[in-house]
Amino acid sequence: MTKKGLIILFVFLILIATLGIGLFFLKNDNQINKMPKNEKIILPEPEKDSDFSIEKALSNRRSIRNFENKELSLEQVSQLLWAAQGITDISGKRASPSAGATYPLTVYLVVEKVKDLIPGVYKFIPEDHSLMFILEGEKSTALKNAALGQGFIENAPINIVFGAIYEKTTNRYGERGIQYVHMEAGHAAQNIYLQCESLGLGTVAVGAFDEDRVREILNMSEKEIPLYIMPVGKK
């Protein structure tokens, strides 16, 4: 083989090796960023005390629609979800009151920018303070469109979405249970408002949206009715 031929062969082998290494790392990177459906993520233990008083949180509480372009931490997400529906004692009681402890609310997390979480839809599991992975991908734009184009939903690093399975409460209280479910959603939403103040975050409760479209985006069951969308971010 001529000298020129050897040089061409050498360059060709280098290109093949480089391509192989690149494909190896791309494959492994995709494996890291992919997560099986229903995979559980145990959240950090929430704090039960702070130097931020409840009186200060009540005084400062406002509806916030403008958020800084900053990611949230998993610790912040954990604290917010605990405030919404976290277990607070060994009997299973939760952070917000529920008629007859029937707990009809479900809580979904739509992630755009959270450290150590890939973008997608997660469901909060209060019993072991975990997230269950539901869907991968950016969903905040679709959620904004389902909420009549309210742009701050798309701009927030997370959206917390409350749903409800009404029959959990109406099976005990009949039609009156519908009112109890709505009251409970209000209790939980206020908890998120106050926890946001303690964490230096902001939120707003959104009730104007297409229920069927939100249910479809989050892959909710037919029994679940969306009640609130709460975008959260650094204010």
C-alpha atoms as a PDB file:
ATOM      1  CA  MET A   1       0.000   0.000   0.000  1.00  0.00           C
ATOM      2  CA  THR A   2       1.281   3.452  -0.859  1.00  0.00           C
ATOM      3  CA  LYS A   3       2.067   6.079   1.767  1.00  0.00           C
ATOM      4  CA  LYS A   4      -0.963   8.095   0.612  1.00  0.00           C
ATOM      5  CA  GLY A   5      -3.152   5.007   0.970  1.00  0.00           C
ATOM      6  CA  LEU A   6      -1.929   4.408   4.505  1.00  0.00           C
ATOM      7  CA  ILE A   7      -2.722   7.990   5.489  1.00  0.00           C
ATOM      8  CA  ILE A   8      -6.249   7.702   4.059  1.00  0.00           C
ATOM      9  CA  LEU A   9      -6.779   4.394   5.900  1.00  0.00           C
ATOM     10  CA  PHE A  10      -5.491   5.899   9.166  1.00  0.00           C
ATOM     11  CA  VAL A  11      -7.842   8.905   8.889  1.00  0.00           C
ATOM     12  CA  PHE A  12     -10.755   6.601   8.061  1.00  0.00           C
ATOM     13  CA  LEU A  13     -10.104   4.450  11.140  1.00  0.00           C
ATOM     14  CA  ILE A  14      -9.942   7.547  13.365  1.00  0.00           C
ATOM     15  CA  LEU A  15     -13.323   8.734  12.007  1.00  0.00           C
ATOM     16  CA  ILE A  16     -14.902   5.324  12.645  1.00  0.00           C
ATOM     17  CA  ALA A  17     -13.539   5.230  16.206  1.00  0.00           C
ATOM     18  CA  THR A  18     -14.753   8.773  16.917  1.00  0.00           C
ATOM     19  CA  LEU A  19     -18.222   7.951  15.594  1.00  0.00           C
ATOM     20  CA  GLY A  20     -18.370   4.813  17.740  1.00  0.00           C
ATOM     21  CA  ILE A  21     -17.413   6.695  20.908  1.00  0.00           C
ATOM     22  CA  GLY A  22     -19.980   9.406  20.156  1.00  0.00           C
ATOM     23  CA  LEU A  23     -22.760   6.861  19.666  1.00  0.00           C
ATOM     24  CA  PHE A  24     -21.774   5.128  22.923  1.00  0.00           C
ATOM     25  CA  PHE A  25     -22.078   8.326  24.953  1.00  0.00           C
ATOM     26  CA  LEU A  26     -25.296   9.347  23.173  1.00  0.00           C
ATOM     27  CA  LYS A  27     -26.852   5.988  24.002  1.00  0.00           C
ATOM     28  CA  ASN A  28     -25.841   6.220  27.642  1.00  0.00           C
ATOM     29  CA  ASP A  29     -27.015   9.834  27.893  1.00  0.00           C
ATOM     30  CA  ASN A  30     -30.418   8.816  26.553  1.00  0.00           C
ATOM     31  CA  GLN A  31     -30.579   6.016  29.108  1.00  0.00           C
ATOM     32  CA  ILE A  32     -29.897   8.535  31.890  1.00  0.00           C
ATOM     33  CA  ASN A  33     -32.565  10.929  30.657  1.00  0.00           C
ATOM     34  CA  LYS A  34     -35.202   8.254  30.050  1.00  0.00           C
ATOM     35  CA  MET A  35     -37.336   7.104  32.946  1.00  0.00           C
ATOM     36  CA  PRO A  36     -39.728   4.135  32.950  1.00  0.00           C
ATOM     37  CA  LYS A  37     -43.403   4.953  33.389  1.00  0.00           C
ATOM     38  CA  ASN A  38     -44.567   4.571  37.011  1.00  0.00           C
ATOM     39  CA  GLU A  39     -40.986   4.821  38.259  1.00  0.00           C
ATOM     40  CA  LYS A  40     -40.985   6.226  41.811  1.00  0.00           C
ATOM     41  CA  ILE A  41     -38.739   8.968  43.115  1.00  0.00           C
ATOM     42  CA  ILE A  42     -38.540   9.295  46.905  1.00  0.00           C
ATOM     43  CA  LEU A  43     -38.567  12.980  47.780  1.00  0.00           C
ATOM     44  CA  PRO A  44     -36.298  14.624  50.381  1.00  0.00           C
ATOM     45  CA  GLU A  45     -37.725  14.754  53.890  1.00  0.00           C
ATOM     46  CA  PRO A  46     -39.715  17.999  54.304  1.00  0.00           C
ATOM     47  CA  GLU A  47     -38.814  20.533  56.975  1.00  0.00           C
ATOM     48  CA  LYS A  48     -41.270  20.796  59.861  1.00  0.00           C
ATOM     49  CA  ASP A  49     -39.982  24.085  61.279  1.00  0.00           C
ATOM     50  CA  SER A  50     -38.488  27.377  60.054  1.00  0.00           C
ATOM     51  CA  ASP A  51     -37.749  30.944  61.112  1.00  0.00           C
ATOM     52  CA  PHE A  52     -40.496  32.261  58.792  1.00  0.00           C
ATOM     53  CA  SER A  53     -43.619  32.853  60.884  1.00  0.00           C
ATOM     54  CA  ILE A  54     -47.143  31.910  59.814  1.00  0.00           C
ATOM     55  CA  GLU A  55     -48.154  35.531  60.514  1.00  0.00           C
ATOM     56  CA  LYS A  56     -45.557  36.798  58.056  1.00  0.00           C
ATOM     57  CA  ALA A  57     -46.675  34.284  55.429  1.00  0.00           C
ATOM     58  CA  LEU A  58     -50.301  35.389  55.830  1.00  0.00           C
ATOM     59  CA  SER A  59     -49.340  39.054  55.634  1.00  0.00           C
ATOM     60  CA  ASN A  60     -47.174  38.603  52.526  1.00  0.00           C
ATOM     61  CA  ARG A  61     -49.419  36.211  50.618  1.00  0.00           C
ATOM     62  CA  ARG A  62     -50.273  37.475  47.129  1.00  0.00           C
ATOM     63  CA  SER A  63     -51.118  35.932  43.756  1.00  0.00           C
ATOM     64  CA  ILE A  64     -47.932  36.049  41.660  1.00  0.00           C
ATOM     65  CA  ARG A  65     -47.899  35.668  37.886  1.00  0.00           C
ATOM     66  CA  ASN A  66     -44.349  36.733  37.021  1.00  0.00           C
ATOM     67  CA  PHE A  67     -41.530  34.275  37.708  1.00  0.00           C
ATOM     68  CA  GLU A  68     -37.767  34.420  37.346  1.00  0.00           C
ATOM     69  CA  ASN A  69     -36.214  32.087  34.806  1.00  0.00           C
ATOM     70  CA  LYS A  70     -34.674  29.848  37.485  1.00  0.00           C
ATOM     71  CA  GLU A  71     -34.986  26.153  38.235  1.00  0.00           C
ATOM     72  CA  LEU A  72     -36.382  24.894  41.525  1.00  0.00           C
ATOM     73  CA  SER A  73     -34.678  22.357  43.758  1.00  0.00           C
ATOM     74  CA  LEU A  74     -36.063  18.939  44.631  1.00  0.00           C
ATOM     75  CA  GLU A  75     -36.147  20.086  48.266  1.00  0.00           C
ATOM     76  CA  GLN A  76     -38.456  22.981  47.345  1.00  0.00           C
ATOM     77  CA  VAL A  77     -40.728  20.662  45.371  1.00  0.00           C
ATOM     78  CA  SER A  78     -40.825  18.246  48.294  1.00  0.00           C
ATOM     79  CA  GLN A  79     -41.810  21.005  50.702  1.00  0.00           C
ATOM     80  CA  LEU A  80     -44.594  22.301  48.450  1.00  0.00           C
ATOM     81  CA  LEU A  81     -46.134  18.876  47.909  1.00  0.00           C
ATOM     82  CA  TRP A  82     -45.938  18.110  51.622  1.00  0.00           C
ATOM     83  CA  ALA A  83     -47.786  21.367  52.340  1.00  0.00           C
ATOM     84  CA  ALA A  84     -50.463  20.385  49.823  1.00  0.00           C
ATOM     85  CA  GLN A  85     -51.202  16.800  50.873  1.00  0.00           C
ATOM     86  CA  GLY A  86     -48.310  15.527  52.969  1.00  0.00           C
ATOM     87  CA  ILE A  87     -48.775  12.995  55.772  1.00  0.00           C
ATOM     88  CA  THR A  88     -48.345  14.692  59.142  1.00  0.00           C
ATOM     89  CA  ASP A  89     -48.844  11.904  61.703  1.00  0.00           C
ATOM     90  CA  ILE A  90     -48.735   8.128  62.074  1.00  0.00           C
ATOM     91  CA  SER A  91     -52.508   7.818  61.631  1.00  0.00           C
ATOM     92  CA  GLY A  92     -52.235   9.139  58.065  1.00  0.00           C
ATOM     93  CA  LYS A  93     -53.695  12.584  58.657  1.00  0.00           C
ATOM     94  CA  ARG A  94     -52.569  15.171  56.121  1.00  0.00           C
ATOM     95  CA  ALA A  95     -51.445  18.794  56.074  1.00  0.00           C
ATOM     96  CA  SER A  96     -54.843  20.048  54.909  1.00  0.00           C
ATOM     97  CA  PRO A  97     -58.210  19.033  56.438  1.00  0.00           C
ATOM     98  CA  SER A  98     -60.557  16.613  54.708  1.00  0.00           C
ATOM     99  CA  ALA A  99     -64.203  15.807  55.436  1.00  0.00           C
ATOM    100  CA  GLY A 100     -64.194  12.478  57.256  1.00  0.00           C
ATOM    101  CA  ALA A 101     -60.529  12.011  56.268  1.00  0.00           C
ATOM    102  CA  THR A 102     -61.756  10.787  52.873  1.00  0.00           C
ATOM    103  CA  TYR A 103     -58.937  12.594  51.014  1.00  0.00           C
ATOM    104  CA  PRO A 104     -60.414  12.898  47.513  1.00  0.00           C
ATOM    105  CA  LEU A 105     -57.660  15.156  46.153  1.00  0.00           C
ATOM    106  CA  THR A 106     -54.944  14.037  43.757  1.00  0.00           C
ATOM    107  CA  VAL A 107     -51.847  16.129  43.073  1.00  0.00           C
ATOM    108  CA  TYR A 108     -49.876  16.238  39.824  1.00  0.00           C
ATOM    109  CA  LEU A 109     -46.585  17.979  39.160  1.00  0.00           C
ATOM    110  CA  VAL A 110     -45.820  19.330  35.693  1.00  0.00           C
ATOM    111  CA  VAL A 111     -42.056  19.863  35.578  1.00  0.00           C
ATOM    112  CA  GLU A 112     -40.270  22.286  33.295  1.00  0.00           C
ATOM    113  CA  LYS A 113     -37.175  23.224  35.325  1.00  0.00           C
ATOM    114  CA  VAL A 114     -36.353  21.252  38.476  1.00  0.00           C
ATOM    115  CA  LYS A 115     -32.860  20.106  39.381  1.00  0.00           C
ATOM    116  CA  ASP A 116     -32.573  16.303  39.184  1.00  0.00           C
ATOM    117  CA  LEU A 117     -35.978  15.859  37.487  1.00  0.00           C
ATOM    118  CA  ILE A 118     -36.498  15.500  33.753  1.00  0.00           C
ATOM    119  CA  PRO A 119     -39.341  17.577  32.245  1.00  0.00           C
ATOM    120  CA  GLY A 120     -42.643  15.765  32.314  1.00  0.00           C
ATOM    121  CA  VAL A 121     -45.670  14.856  34.401  1.00  0.00           C
ATOM    122  CA  TYR A 122     -45.444  13.275  37.849  1.00  0.00           C
ATOM    123  CA  LYS A 123     -48.050  12.247  40.429  1.00  0.00           C
ATOM    124  CA  PHE A 124     -47.513  12.894  44.129  1.00  0.00           C
ATOM    125  CA  ILE A 125     -47.909   9.820  46.359  1.00  0.00           C
ATOM    126  CA  PRO A 126     -48.480  11.061  49.948  1.00  0.00           C
ATOM    127  CA  GLU A 127     -48.193   7.635  51.565  1.00  0.00           C
ATOM    128  CA  ASP A 128     -44.430   7.425  51.017  1.00  0.00           C
ATOM    129  CA  HIS A 129     -43.795  11.057  50.053  1.00  0.00           C
ATOM    130  CA  SER A 130     -42.744  10.191  46.531  1.00  0.00           C
ATOM    131  CA  LEU A 131     -43.316  11.150  42.913  1.00  0.00           C
ATOM    132  CA  MET A 132     -44.550   8.647  40.358  1.00  0.00           C
ATOM    133  CA  PHE A 133     -43.357   9.365  36.834  1.00  0.00           C
ATOM    134  CA  ILE A 134     -46.280   9.535  34.385  1.00  0.00           C
ATOM    135  CA  LEU A 135     -45.179  11.177  31.123  1.00  0.00           C
ATOM    136  CA  GLU A 136     -41.943  12.563  29.718  1.00  0.00           C
ATOM    137  CA  GLY A 137     -41.606  15.840  27.835  1.00  0.00           C
ATOM    138  CA  GLU A 138     -42.435  19.527  28.012  1.00  0.00           C
ATOM    139  CA  LYS A 139     -46.138  19.872  28.844  1.00  0.00           C
ATOM    140  CA  SER A 140     -46.383  23.447  30.116  1.00  0.00           C
ATOM    141  CA  THR A 141     -47.204  24.885  26.694  1.00  0.00           C
ATOM    142  CA  ALA A 142     -50.090  22.452  26.251  1.00  0.00           C
ATOM    143  CA  LEU A 143     -51.231  23.231  29.790  1.00  0.00           C
ATOM    144  CA  LYS A 144     -51.144  26.967  29.022  1.00  0.00           C
ATOM    145  CA  ASN A 145     -53.237  26.423  25.899  1.00  0.00           C
ATOM    146  CA  ALA A 146     -55.746  24.356  27.888  1.00  0.00           C
ATOM    147  CA  ALA A 147     -55.943  27.265  30.371  1.00  0.00           C
ATOM    148  CA  LEU A 148     -57.119  29.787  27.781  1.00  0.00           C
ATOM    149  CA  GLY A 149     -53.593  30.931  26.890  1.00  0.00           C
ATOM    150  CA  GLN A 150     -52.524  32.196  30.334  1.00  0.00           C
ATOM    151  CA  GLY A 151     -48.824  32.629  29.569  1.00  0.00           C
ATOM    152  CA  PHE A 152     -47.470  32.540  33.127  1.00  0.00           C
ATOM    153  CA  ILE A 153     -48.363  28.823  33.238  1.00  0.00           C
ATOM    154  CA  GLU A 154     -45.881  28.183  30.440  1.00  0.00           C
ATOM    155  CA  ASN A 155     -43.213  30.396  32.046  1.00  0.00           C
ATOM    156  CA  ALA A 156     -43.246  28.721  35.476  1.00  0.00           C
ATOM    157  CA  PRO A 157     -40.642  26.056  36.319  1.00  0.00           C
ATOM    158  CA  ILE A 158     -43.413  23.859  37.744  1.00  0.00           C
ATOM    159  CA  ASN A 159     -47.184  23.666  37.776  1.00  0.00           C
ATOM    160  CA  ILE A 160     -48.996  21.892  40.583  1.00  0.00           C
ATOM    161  CA  VAL A 161     -52.359  20.559  39.423  1.00  0.00           C
ATOM    162  CA  PHE A 162     -55.066  19.441  41.840  1.00  0.00           C
ATOM    163  CA  GLY A 163     -57.602  16.876  40.788  1.00  0.00           C
ATOM    164  CA  ALA A 164     -60.352  15.150  42.733  1.00  0.00           C
ATOM    165  CA  ILE A 165     -62.051  11.773  42.817  1.00  0.00           C
ATOM    166  CA  TYR A 166     -65.429  12.966  44.097  1.00  0.00           C
ATOM    167  CA  GLU A 167     -66.818   9.549  44.936  1.00  0.00           C
ATOM    168  CA  LYS A 168     -64.300   9.129  47.737  1.00  0.00           C
ATOM    169  CA  THR A 169     -66.258  11.796  49.614  1.00  0.00           C
ATOM    170  CA  THR A 170     -69.738  11.508  48.082  1.00  0.00           C
ATOM    171  CA  ASN A 171     -69.889   7.789  48.917  1.00  0.00           C
ATOM    172  CA  ARG A 172     -70.011   8.868  52.551  1.00  0.00           C
ATOM    173  CA  TYR A 173     -71.787  12.230  52.419  1.00  0.00           C
ATOM    174  CA  GLY A 174     -73.897  12.018  49.292  1.00  0.00           C
ATOM    175  CA  GLU A 175     -74.331  15.101  47.129  1.00  0.00           C
ATOM    176  CA  ARG A 176     -73.192  17.339  49.984  1.00  0.00           C
ATOM    177  CA  GLY A 177     -69.766  15.753  49.552  1.00  0.00           C
ATOM    178  CA  ILE A 178     -69.248  17.714  46.324  1.00  0.00           C
ATOM    179  CA  GLN A 179     -69.149  20.921  48.353  1.00  0.00           C
ATOM    180  CA  TYR A 180     -66.743  19.328  50.827  1.00  0.00           C
ATOM    181  CA  VAL A 181     -64.346  18.420  47.996  1.00  0.00           C
ATOM    182  CA  HIS A 182     -64.312  22.011  46.759  1.00  0.00           C
ATOM    183  CA  MET A 183     -63.671  23.289  50.275  1.00  0.00           C
ATOM    184  CA  GLU A 184     -60.789  20.853  50.640  1.00  0.00           C
ATOM    185  CA  ALA A 185     -59.202  22.021  47.390  1.00  0.00           C
ATOM    186  CA  GLY A 186     -59.255  25.561  48.777  1.00  0.00           C
ATOM    187  CA  HIS A 187     -57.575  24.440  52.003  1.00  0.00           C
ATOM    188  CA  ALA A 188     -54.760  22.701  50.094  1.00  0.00           C
ATOM    189  CA  ALA A 189     -54.260  25.604  47.681  1.00  0.00           C
ATOM    190  CA  GLN A 190     -53.900  28.057  50.571  1.00  0.00           C
ATOM    191  CA  ASN A 191     -51.265  25.777  52.092  1.00  0.00           C
ATOM    192  CA  ILE A 192     -49.260  26.062  48.875  1.00  0.00           C
ATOM    193  CA  TYR A 193     -49.618  29.851  48.895  1.00  0.00           C
ATOM    194  CA  LEU A 194     -48.258  30.028  52.453  1.00  0.00           C
ATOM    195  CA  GLN A 195     -45.471  27.527  51.839  1.00  0.00           C
ATOM    196  CA  CYS A 196     -44.423  29.530  48.787  1.00  0.00           C
ATOM    197  CA  GLU A 197     -44.039  32.624  50.939  1.00  0.00           C
ATOM    198  CA  SER A 198     -41.821  30.722  53.366  1.00  0.00           C
ATOM    199  CA  LEU A 199     -39.616  29.534  50.476  1.00  0.00           C
ATOM    200  CA  GLY A 200     -39.400  32.896  48.713  1.00  0.00           C
ATOM    201  CA  LEU A 201     -41.546  31.619  45.848  1.00  0.00           C
ATOM    202  CA  GLY A 202     -44.781  32.793  44.273  1.00  0.00           C
ATOM    203  CA  THR A 203     -47.906  31.128  42.947  1.00  0.00           C
ATOM    204  CA  VAL A 204     -51.436  31.821  41.728  1.00  0.00           C
ATOM    205  CA  ALA A 205     -54.515  29.600  41.766  1.00  0.00           C
ATOM    206  CA  VAL A 206     -55.974  29.139  38.272  1.00  0.00           C
ATOM    207  CA  GLY A 207     -59.473  27.792  37.729  1.00  0.00           C
ATOM    208  CA  ALA A 208     -60.134  28.808  34.104  1.00  0.00           C
ATOM    209  CA  PHE A 209     -59.258  25.841  31.890  1.00  0.00           C
ATOM    210  CA  ASP A 210     -60.670  23.076  29.713  1.00  0.00           C
ATOM    211  CA  GLU A 211     -61.111  20.158  32.126  1.00  0.00           C
ATOM    212  CA  ASP A 212     -61.070  17.456  29.459  1.00  0.00           C
ATOM    213  CA  ARG A 213     -57.917  18.837  27.864  1.00  0.00           C
ATOM    214  CA  VAL A 214     -56.087  19.083  31.213  1.00  0.00           C
ATOM    215  CA  ARG A 215     -57.107  15.520  32.050  1.00  0.00           C
ATOM    216  CA  GLU A 216     -55.741  14.367  28.702  1.00  0.00           C
ATOM    217  CA  ILE A 217     -52.418  16.254  29.078  1.00  0.00           C
ATOM    218  CA  LEU A 218     -51.772  14.769  32.531  1.00  0.00           C
ATOM    219  CA  ASN A 219     -53.053  11.292  31.657  1.00  0.00           C
ATOM    220  CA  MET A 220     -55.561  11.463  34.516  1.00  0.00           C
ATOM    221  CA  SER A 221     -58.078   8.685  35.042  1.00  0.00           C
ATOM    222  CA  GLU A 222     -61.691   9.187  33.976  1.00  0.00           C
ATOM    223  CA  LYS A 223     -62.716   9.461  37.631  1.00  0.00           C
ATOM    224  CA  GLU A 224     -60.399  12.435  38.280  1.00  0.00           C
ATOM    225  CA  ILE A 225     -61.687  15.970  37.737  1.00  0.00           C
ATOM    226  CA  PRO A 226     -59.064  18.775  37.493  1.00  0.00           C
ATOM    227  CA  LEU A 227     -59.802  21.608  39.942  1.00  0.00           C
ATOM    228  CA  TYR A 228     -56.773  23.911  40.135  1.00  0.00           C
ATOM    229  CA  ILE A 229     -53.604  24.722  38.232  1.00  0.00           C
ATOM    230  CA  MET A 230     -50.985  26.431  40.414  1.00  0.00           C
ATOM    231  CA  PRO A 231     -47.840  27.627  38.600  1.00  0.00           C
ATOM    232  CA  VAL A 232     -44.933  28.123  41.023  1.00  0.00           C
ATOM    233  CA  GLY A 233     -41.626  29.925  40.586  1.00  0.00           C
ATOM    234  CA  LYS A 234     -39.123  32.331  42.062  1.00  0.00           C
ATOM    235  CA  LYS A 235     -40.761  35.753  42.382  1.00  0.00           C
END
